[in-house]
Amino acid sequence: MPFLTVAAIYFILWWTVLFIVLPLGYRSQGEEGEVTLGTVESAPARFRGGRVIFLTTVISAAIYLAYHLASVYFGFGIGSIPDIIPSFK
């Protein structure tokens, strides 16, 4: 598989996983009881960007590895998915 294809698939996967990981462990300032002046209660209590990026990278790498193993070594691809919509030919 060409490097650019691998990078594109991983990039799309990484951004999708990012939005899944963002709400994990989220605590708002309202839940913590310490609302900073000038912010809303729903703002995050603590910035945890490093943790989010690390988890996103690890989960994305695991998913991409599973995809790569299934497609390259086991031969599964888009054509292996059964047709859901019947053909009316």
PDB file of N, CA and C in Angstrom:
ATOM      1  N   MET A   1       0.851  -1.162   0.000  1.00  0.00           N
ATOM      2  CA  MET A   1       0.000   0.000   0.000  1.00  0.00           C
ATOM      3  C   MET A   1       0.907   1.239   0.000  1.00  0.00           C
ATOM      4  N   PRO A   2       0.642   2.195  -0.870  1.00  0.00           N
ATOM      5  CA  PRO A   2       1.471   3.413  -0.915  1.00  0.00           C
ATOM      6  C   PRO A   2       1.383   4.212   0.392  1.00  0.00           C
ATOM      7  N   PHE A   3       2.478   4.902   0.709  1.00  0.00           N
ATOM      8  CA  PHE A   3       2.556   5.649   1.964  1.00  0.00           C
ATOM      9  C   PHE A   3       1.469   6.720   2.047  1.00  0.00           C
ATOM     10  N   LEU A   4       1.184   7.392   0.946  1.00  0.00           N
ATOM     11  CA  LEU A   4       0.176   8.456   0.964  1.00  0.00           C
ATOM     12  C   LEU A   4      -1.213   7.894   1.281  1.00  0.00           C
ATOM     13  N   THR A   5      -1.511   6.718   0.789  1.00  0.00           N
ATOM     14  CA  THR A   5      -2.787   6.072   1.103  1.00  0.00           C
ATOM     15  C   THR A   5      -2.861   5.712   2.581  1.00  0.00           C
ATOM     16  N   VAL A   6      -1.784   5.171   3.106  1.00  0.00           N
ATOM     17  CA  VAL A   6      -1.728   4.828   4.536  1.00  0.00           C
ATOM     18  C   VAL A   6      -1.914   6.086   5.378  1.00  0.00           C
ATOM     19  N   ALA A   7      -1.224   7.161   5.011  1.00  0.00           N
ATOM     20  CA  ALA A   7      -1.325   8.416   5.767  1.00  0.00           C
ATOM     21  C   ALA A   7      -2.741   8.989   5.698  1.00  0.00           C
ATOM     22  N   ALA A   8      -3.378   8.914   4.530  1.00  0.00           N
ATOM     23  CA  ALA A   8      -4.737   9.450   4.385  1.00  0.00           C
ATOM     24  C   ALA A   8      -5.739   8.658   5.215  1.00  0.00           C
ATOM     25  N   ILE A   9      -5.641   7.340   5.173  1.00  0.00           N
ATOM     26  CA  ILE A   9      -6.554   6.501   5.955  1.00  0.00           C
ATOM     27  C   ILE A   9      -6.348   6.747   7.448  1.00  0.00           C
ATOM     28  N   TYR A  10      -5.095   6.811   7.884  1.00  0.00           N
ATOM     29  CA  TYR A  10      -4.814   7.041   9.303  1.00  0.00           C
ATOM     30  C   TYR A  10      -5.275   8.434   9.742  1.00  0.00           C
ATOM     31  N   PHE A  11      -5.090   9.439   8.892  1.00  0.00           N
ATOM     32  CA  PHE A  11      -5.519  10.806   9.206  1.00  0.00           C
ATOM     33  C   PHE A  11      -7.027  10.872   9.424  1.00  0.00           C
ATOM     34  N   ILE A  12      -7.793  10.270   8.523  1.00  0.00           N
ATOM     35  CA  ILE A  12      -9.253  10.269   8.655  1.00  0.00           C
ATOM     36  C   ILE A  12      -9.664   9.485   9.894  1.00  0.00           C
ATOM     37  N   LEU A  13      -9.037   8.351  10.115  1.00  0.00           N
ATOM     38  CA  LEU A  13      -9.337   7.535  11.291  1.00  0.00           C
ATOM     39  C   LEU A  13      -9.005   8.279  12.576  1.00  0.00           C
ATOM     40  N   TRP A  14      -7.857   8.981  12.605  1.00  0.00           N
ATOM     41  CA  TRP A  14      -7.435   9.709  13.796  1.00  0.00           C
ATOM     42  C   TRP A  14      -8.454  10.788  14.162  1.00  0.00           C
ATOM     43  N   TRP A  15      -8.915  11.548  13.169  1.00  0.00           N
ATOM     44  CA  TRP A  15      -9.881  12.613  13.459  1.00  0.00           C
ATOM     45  C   TRP A  15     -11.219  12.057  13.905  1.00  0.00           C
ATOM     46  N   THR A  16     -11.629  10.924  13.357  1.00  0.00           N
ATOM     47  CA  THR A  16     -12.883  10.299  13.784  1.00  0.00           C
ATOM     48  C   THR A  16     -12.771   9.832  15.234  1.00  0.00           C
ATOM     49  N   VAL A  17     -11.664   9.184  15.565  1.00  0.00           N
ATOM     50  CA  VAL A  17     -11.455   8.697  16.931  1.00  0.00           C
ATOM     51  C   VAL A  17     -11.313   9.862  17.907  1.00  0.00           C
ATOM     52  N   LEU A  18     -10.751  10.976  17.461  1.00  0.00           N
ATOM     53  CA  LEU A  18     -10.604  12.151  18.340  1.00  0.00           C
ATOM     54  C   LEU A  18     -11.951  12.583  18.903  1.00  0.00           C
ATOM     55  N   PHE A  19     -12.969  12.628  18.048  1.00  0.00           N
ATOM     56  CA  PHE A  19     -14.284  13.072  18.518  1.00  0.00           C
ATOM     57  C   PHE A  19     -14.982  12.016  19.371  1.00  0.00           C
ATOM     58  N   ILE A  20     -14.507  10.789  19.335  1.00  0.00           N
ATOM     59  CA  ILE A  20     -15.023   9.758  20.230  1.00  0.00           C
ATOM     60  C   ILE A  20     -14.333   9.860  21.587  1.00  0.00           C
ATOM     61  N   VAL A  21     -13.046  10.205  21.601  1.00  0.00           N
ATOM     62  CA  VAL A  21     -12.257  10.247  22.832  1.00  0.00           C
ATOM     63  C   VAL A  21     -12.488  11.544  23.616  1.00  0.00           C
ATOM     64  N   LEU A  22     -12.802  12.637  22.940  1.00  0.00           N
ATOM     65  CA  LEU A  22     -12.934  13.934  23.627  1.00  0.00           C
ATOM     66  C   LEU A  22     -13.855  13.923  24.844  1.00  0.00           C
ATOM     67  N   PRO A  23     -15.031  13.336  24.785  1.00  0.00           N
ATOM     68  CA  PRO A  23     -15.897  13.395  25.974  1.00  0.00           C
ATOM     69  C   PRO A  23     -15.546  12.402  27.085  1.00  0.00           C
ATOM     70  N   LEU A  24     -14.590  11.507  26.865  1.00  0.00           N
ATOM     71  CA  LEU A  24     -14.236  10.533  27.902  1.00  0.00           C
ATOM     72  C   LEU A  24     -13.578  11.237  29.086  1.00  0.00           C
ATOM     73  N   GLY A  25     -14.130  11.071  30.259  1.00  0.00           N
ATOM     74  CA  GLY A  25     -13.570  11.662  31.469  1.00  0.00           C
ATOM     75  C   GLY A  25     -13.795  13.160  31.590  1.00  0.00           C
ATOM     76  N   TYR A  26     -14.691  13.709  30.792  1.00  0.00           N
ATOM     77  CA  TYR A  26     -14.950  15.154  30.801  1.00  0.00           C
ATOM     78  C   TYR A  26     -15.673  15.564  32.076  1.00  0.00           C
ATOM     79  N   ARG A  27     -15.170  16.587  32.733  1.00  0.00           N
ATOM     80  CA  ARG A  27     -15.822  17.185  33.902  1.00  0.00           C
ATOM     81  C   ARG A  27     -15.929  18.678  33.650  1.00  0.00           C
ATOM     82  N   SER A  28     -17.136  19.206  33.773  1.00  0.00           N
ATOM     83  CA  SER A  28     -17.330  20.631  33.536  1.00  0.00           C
ATOM     84  C   SER A  28     -17.032  21.433  34.803  1.00  0.00           C
ATOM     85  N   GLN A  29     -16.880  22.728  34.625  1.00  0.00           N
ATOM     86  CA  GLN A  29     -16.641  23.597  35.783  1.00  0.00           C
ATOM     87  C   GLN A  29     -17.852  23.599  36.704  1.00  0.00           C
ATOM     88  N   GLY A  30     -19.042  23.468  36.149  1.00  0.00           N
ATOM     89  CA  GLY A  30     -20.249  23.406  36.967  1.00  0.00           C
ATOM     90  C   GLY A  30     -20.289  22.167  37.839  1.00  0.00           C
ATOM     91  N   GLU A  31     -19.827  21.027  37.303  1.00  0.00           N
ATOM     92  CA  GLU A  31     -19.786  19.784  38.078  1.00  0.00           C
ATOM     93  C   GLU A  31     -18.735  19.854  39.180  1.00  0.00           C
ATOM     94  N   GLU A  32     -17.637  20.543  38.910  1.00  0.00           N
ATOM     95  CA  GLU A  32     -16.573  20.685  39.896  1.00  0.00           C
ATOM     96  C   GLU A  32     -16.924  21.730  40.958  1.00  0.00           C
ATOM     97  N   GLY A  33     -17.851  22.629  40.649  1.00  0.00           N
ATOM     98  CA  GLY A  33     -18.251  23.662  41.593  1.00  0.00           C
ATOM     99  C   GLY A  33     -17.335  24.869  41.627  1.00  0.00           C
ATOM    100  N   GLU A  34     -16.436  24.975  40.673  1.00  0.00           N
ATOM    101  CA  GLU A  34     -15.497  26.099  40.624  1.00  0.00           C
ATOM    102  C   GLU A  34     -15.556  26.737  39.239  1.00  0.00           C
ATOM    103  N   VAL A  35     -16.511  27.642  39.045  1.00  0.00           N
ATOM    104  CA  VAL A  35     -16.672  28.304  37.754  1.00  0.00           C
ATOM    105  C   VAL A  35     -15.790  29.545  37.720  1.00  0.00           C
ATOM    106  N   THR A  36     -14.890  29.606  36.741  1.00  0.00           N
ATOM    107  CA  THR A  36     -13.993  30.742  36.579  1.00  0.00           C
ATOM    108  C   THR A  36     -14.772  31.926  36.035  1.00  0.00           C
ATOM    109  N   LEU A  37     -14.500  33.105  36.559  1.00  0.00           N
ATOM    110  CA  LEU A  37     -15.184  34.315  36.132  1.00  0.00           C
ATOM    111  C   LEU A  37     -14.964  34.534  34.630  1.00  0.00           C
ATOM    112  N   GLY A  38     -16.052  34.776  33.918  1.00  0.00           N
ATOM    113  CA  GLY A  38     -15.971  35.029  32.483  1.00  0.00           C
ATOM    114  C   GLY A  38     -16.145  33.788  31.628  1.00  0.00           C
ATOM    115  N   THR A  39     -16.375  32.617  32.239  1.00  0.00           N
ATOM    116  CA  THR A  39     -16.606  31.390  31.480  1.00  0.00           C
ATOM    117  C   THR A  39     -17.974  30.834  31.820  1.00  0.00           C
ATOM    118  N   VAL A  40     -18.437  29.921  30.983  1.00  0.00           N
ATOM    119  CA  VAL A  40     -19.727  29.277  31.236  1.00  0.00           C
ATOM    120  C   VAL A  40     -19.505  28.041  32.099  1.00  0.00           C
ATOM    121  N   GLU A  41     -20.581  27.567  32.720  1.00  0.00           N
ATOM    122  CA  GLU A  41     -20.476  26.399  33.594  1.00  0.00           C
ATOM    123  C   GLU A  41     -20.097  25.134  32.845  1.00  0.00           C
ATOM    124  N   SER A  42     -20.413  25.072  31.551  1.00  0.00           N
ATOM    125  CA  SER A  42     -20.136  23.851  30.781  1.00  0.00           C
ATOM    126  C   SER A  42     -18.703  23.785  30.252  1.00  0.00           C
ATOM    127  N   ALA A  43     -17.888  24.785  30.534  1.00  0.00           N
ATOM    128  CA  ALA A  43     -16.486  24.764  30.099  1.00  0.00           C
ATOM    129  C   ALA A  43     -15.732  23.682  30.860  1.00  0.00           C
ATOM    130  N   PRO A  44     -14.713  23.078  30.236  1.00  0.00           N
ATOM    131  CA  PRO A  44     -13.947  22.031  30.928  1.00  0.00           C
ATOM    132  C   PRO A  44     -13.270  22.562  32.184  1.00  0.00           C
ATOM    133  N   ALA A  45     -13.245  21.739  33.221  1.00  0.00           N
ATOM    134  CA  ALA A  45     -12.605  22.141  34.471  1.00  0.00           C
ATOM    135  C   ALA A  45     -11.089  22.114  34.340  1.00  0.00           C
ATOM    136  N   ARG A  46     -10.558  21.099  33.638  1.00  0.00           N
ATOM    137  CA  ARG A  46      -9.117  20.975  33.428  1.00  0.00           C
ATOM    138  C   ARG A  46      -8.841  20.668  31.967  1.00  0.00           C
ATOM    139  N   PHE A  47      -7.816  21.307  31.412  1.00  0.00           N
ATOM    140  CA  PHE A  47      -7.405  21.012  30.048  1.00  0.00           C
ATOM    141  C   PHE A  47      -6.572  19.745  30.066  1.00  0.00           C
ATOM    142  N   ARG A  48      -6.945  18.777  29.286  1.00  0.00           N
ATOM    143  CA  ARG A  48      -6.241  17.492  29.253  1.00  0.00           C
ATOM    144  C   ARG A  48      -5.919  17.103  27.813  1.00  0.00           C
ATOM    145  N   GLY A  49      -5.336  18.034  27.091  1.00  0.00           N
ATOM    146  CA  GLY A  49      -5.036  17.837  25.683  1.00  0.00           C
ATOM    147  C   GLY A  49      -4.040  16.726  25.420  1.00  0.00           C
ATOM    148  N   GLY A  50      -3.026  16.605  26.265  1.00  0.00           N
ATOM    149  CA  GLY A  50      -2.021  15.560  26.078  1.00  0.00           C
ATOM    150  C   GLY A  50      -2.610  14.176  26.207  1.00  0.00           C
ATOM    151  N   ARG A  51      -3.481  14.001  27.192  1.00  0.00           N
ATOM    152  CA  ARG A  51      -4.134  12.711  27.412  1.00  0.00           C
ATOM    153  C   ARG A  51      -5.027  12.351  26.243  1.00  0.00           C
ATOM    154  N   VAL A  52      -5.776  13.336  25.729  1.00  0.00           N
ATOM    155  CA  VAL A  52      -6.678  13.105  24.609  1.00  0.00           C
ATOM    156  C   VAL A  52      -5.890  12.728  23.360  1.00  0.00           C
ATOM    157  N   ILE A  53      -4.813  13.445  23.072  1.00  0.00           N
ATOM    158  CA  ILE A  53      -4.003  13.154  21.890  1.00  0.00           C
ATOM    159  C   ILE A  53      -3.343  11.780  22.011  1.00  0.00           C
ATOM    160  N   PHE A  54      -2.841  11.436  23.201  1.00  0.00           N
ATOM    161  CA  PHE A  54      -2.217  10.133  23.402  1.00  0.00           C
ATOM    162  C   PHE A  54      -3.218   9.005  23.193  1.00  0.00           C
ATOM    163  N   LEU A  55      -4.394   9.105  23.829  1.00  0.00           N
ATOM    164  CA  LEU A  55      -5.412   8.064  23.684  1.00  0.00           C
ATOM    165  C   LEU A  55      -5.886   7.949  22.237  1.00  0.00           C
ATOM    166  N   THR A  56      -6.072   9.085  21.577  1.00  0.00           N
ATOM    167  CA  THR A  56      -6.508   9.075  20.187  1.00  0.00           C
ATOM    168  C   THR A  56      -5.484   8.382  19.301  1.00  0.00           C
ATOM    169  N   THR A  57      -4.224   8.663  19.507  1.00  0.00           N
ATOM    170  CA  THR A  57      -3.162   8.062  18.701  1.00  0.00           C
ATOM    171  C   THR A  57      -3.074   6.559  18.931  1.00  0.00           C
ATOM    172  N   VAL A  58      -3.149   6.125  20.175  1.00  0.00           N
ATOM    173  CA  VAL A  58      -3.051   4.698  20.490  1.00  0.00           C
ATOM    174  C   VAL A  58      -4.254   3.932  19.933  1.00  0.00           C
ATOM    175  N   ILE A  59      -5.454   4.450  20.134  1.00  0.00           N
ATOM    176  CA  ILE A  59      -6.653   3.770  19.647  1.00  0.00           C
ATOM    177  C   ILE A  59      -6.672   3.740  18.126  1.00  0.00           C
ATOM    178  N   SER A  60      -6.289   4.848  17.488  1.00  0.00           N
ATOM    179  CA  SER A  60      -6.249   4.897  16.021  1.00  0.00           C
ATOM    180  C   SER A  60      -5.232   3.914  15.463  1.00  0.00           C
ATOM    181  N   ALA A  61      -4.082   3.815  16.109  1.00  0.00           N
ATOM    182  CA  ALA A  61      -3.060   2.870  15.660  1.00  0.00           C
ATOM    183  C   ALA A  61      -3.559   1.433  15.773  1.00  0.00           C
ATOM    184  N   ALA A  62      -4.258   1.112  16.851  1.00  0.00           N
ATOM    185  CA  ALA A  62      -4.792  -0.242  17.025  1.00  0.00           C
ATOM    186  C   ALA A  62      -5.851  -0.556  15.969  1.00  0.00           C
ATOM    187  N   ILE A  63      -6.737   0.390  15.695  1.00  0.00           N
ATOM    188  CA  ILE A  63      -7.764   0.174  14.682  1.00  0.00           C
ATOM    189  C   ILE A  63      -7.138   0.050  13.299  1.00  0.00           C
ATOM    190  N   TYR A  64      -6.147   0.902  13.001  1.00  0.00           N
ATOM    191  CA  TYR A  64      -5.501   0.816  11.697  1.00  0.00           C
ATOM    192  C   TYR A  64      -4.733  -0.495  11.548  1.00  0.00           C
ATOM    193  N   LEU A  65      -4.096  -0.950  12.600  1.00  0.00           N
ATOM    194  CA  LEU A  65      -3.388  -2.223  12.546  1.00  0.00           C
ATOM    195  C   LEU A  65      -4.357  -3.368  12.253  1.00  0.00           C
ATOM    196  N   ALA A  66      -5.514  -3.362  12.894  1.00  0.00           N
ATOM    197  CA  ALA A  66      -6.524  -4.394  12.636  1.00  0.00           C
ATOM    198  C   ALA A  66      -7.013  -4.318  11.187  1.00  0.00           C
ATOM    199  N   TYR A  67      -7.229  -3.101  10.690  1.00  0.00           N
ATOM    200  CA  TYR A  67      -7.646  -2.928   9.287  1.00  0.00           C
ATOM    201  C   TYR A  67      -6.558  -3.435   8.341  1.00  0.00           C
ATOM    202  N   HIS A  68      -5.311  -3.091   8.628  1.00  0.00           N
ATOM    203  CA  HIS A  68      -4.204  -3.488   7.765  1.00  0.00           C
ATOM    204  C   HIS A  68      -4.047  -5.009   7.744  1.00  0.00           C
ATOM    205  N   LEU A  69      -4.130  -5.633   8.904  1.00  0.00           N
ATOM    206  CA  LEU A  69      -4.039  -7.091   8.965  1.00  0.00           C
ATOM    207  C   LEU A  69      -5.191  -7.746   8.202  1.00  0.00           C
ATOM    208  N   ALA A  70      -6.396  -7.222   8.360  1.00  0.00           N
ATOM    209  CA  ALA A  70      -7.552  -7.805   7.682  1.00  0.00           C
ATOM    210  C   ALA A  70      -7.467  -7.631   6.170  1.00  0.00           C
ATOM    211  N   SER A  71      -6.982  -6.483   5.707  1.00  0.00           N
ATOM    212  CA  SER A  71      -6.963  -6.245   4.268  1.00  0.00           C
ATOM    213  C   SER A  71      -5.750  -6.848   3.578  1.00  0.00           C
ATOM    214  N   VAL A  72      -4.576  -6.746   4.152  1.00  0.00           N
ATOM    215  CA  VAL A  72      -3.365  -7.211   3.477  1.00  0.00           C
ATOM    216  C   VAL A  72      -3.128  -8.701   3.702  1.00  0.00           C
ATOM    217  N   TYR A  73      -3.194  -9.156   4.929  1.00  0.00           N
ATOM    218  CA  TYR A  73      -2.824 -10.532   5.229  1.00  0.00           C
ATOM    219  C   TYR A  73      -3.987 -11.528   5.096  1.00  0.00           C
ATOM    220  N   PHE A  74      -5.213 -11.091   5.396  1.00  0.00           N
ATOM    221  CA  PHE A  74      -6.350 -11.997   5.317  1.00  0.00           C
ATOM    222  C   PHE A  74      -7.192 -11.798   4.071  1.00  0.00           C
ATOM    223  N   GLY A  75      -6.948 -10.744   3.315  1.00  0.00           N
ATOM    224  CA  GLY A  75      -7.630 -10.536   2.039  1.00  0.00           C
ATOM    225  C   GLY A  75      -9.029  -9.971   2.113  1.00  0.00           C
ATOM    226  N   PHE A  76      -9.433  -9.453   3.246  1.00  0.00           N
ATOM    227  CA  PHE A  76     -10.755  -8.844   3.350  1.00  0.00           C
ATOM    228  C   PHE A  76     -10.701  -7.427   2.799  1.00  0.00           C
ATOM    229  N   GLY A  77     -11.746  -7.039   2.102  1.00  0.00           N
ATOM    230  CA  GLY A  77     -11.813  -5.697   1.557  1.00  0.00           C
ATOM    231  C   GLY A  77     -13.256  -5.248   1.446  1.00  0.00           C
ATOM    232  N   ILE A  78     -13.456  -4.155   0.746  1.00  0.00           N
ATOM    233  CA  ILE A  78     -14.816  -3.630   0.567  1.00  0.00           C
ATOM    234  C   ILE A  78     -15.675  -4.644  -0.182  1.00  0.00           C
ATOM    235  N   GLY A  79     -15.097  -5.365  -1.118  1.00  0.00           N
ATOM    236  CA  GLY A  79     -15.843  -6.370  -1.875  1.00  0.00           C
ATOM    237  C   GLY A  79     -16.277  -7.557  -1.040  1.00  0.00           C
ATOM    238  N   SER A  80     -15.697  -7.728   0.123  1.00  0.00           N
ATOM    239  CA  SER A  80     -16.054  -8.853   0.991  1.00  0.00           C
ATOM    240  C   SER A  80     -17.317  -8.589   1.810  1.00  0.00           C
ATOM    241  N   ILE A  81     -17.737  -7.354   1.857  1.00  0.00           N
ATOM    242  CA  ILE A  81     -18.936  -7.000   2.623  1.00  0.00           C
ATOM    243  C   ILE A  81     -20.163  -7.445   1.825  1.00  0.00           C
ATOM    244  N   PRO A  82     -21.056  -8.211   2.423  1.00  0.00           N
ATOM    245  CA  PRO A  82     -22.234  -8.661   1.676  1.00  0.00           C
ATOM    246  C   PRO A  82     -23.124  -7.489   1.287  1.00  0.00           C
ATOM    247  N   ASP A  83     -23.800  -7.662   0.160  1.00  0.00           N
ATOM    248  CA  ASP A  83     -24.714  -6.621  -0.311  1.00  0.00           C
ATOM    249  C   ASP A  83     -25.934  -6.554   0.603  1.00  0.00           C
ATOM    250  N   ILE A  84     -26.244  -5.358   1.067  1.00  0.00           N
ATOM    251  CA  ILE A  84     -27.409  -5.159   1.918  1.00  0.00           C
ATOM    252  C   ILE A  84     -28.641  -4.872   1.073  1.00  0.00           C
ATOM    253  N   ILE A  85     -28.437  -4.077   0.031  1.00  0.00           N
ATOM    254  CA  ILE A  85     -29.538  -3.708  -0.853  1.00  0.00           C
ATOM    255  C   ILE A  85     -29.596  -4.717  -1.992  1.00  0.00           C
ATOM    256  N   PRO A  86     -30.773  -5.305  -2.241  1.00  0.00           N
ATOM    257  CA  PRO A  86     -30.853  -6.301  -3.311  1.00  0.00           C
ATOM    258  C   PRO A  86     -30.708  -5.661  -4.682  1.00  0.00           C
ATOM    259  N   SER A  87     -30.235  -6.453  -5.616  1.00  0.00           N
ATOM    260  CA  SER A  87     -30.067  -5.992  -6.990  1.00  0.00           C
ATOM    261  C   SER A  87     -31.360  -6.232  -7.757  1.00  0.00           C
ATOM    262  N   PHE A  88     -31.870  -5.219  -8.448  1.00  0.00           N
ATOM    263  CA  PHE A  88     -33.119  -5.344  -9.204  1.00  0.00           C
ATOM    264  C   PHE A  88     -32.824  -5.356 -10.707  1.00  0.00           C
ATOM    265  N   LYS A  89     -31.901  -6.189 -11.124  1.00  0.00           N
ATOM    266  CA  LYS A  89     -31.540  -6.258 -12.551  1.00  0.00           C
ATOM    267  C   LYS A  89     -32.386  -7.268 -13.274  1.00  0.00           C
TER     268      LYS A  89
END
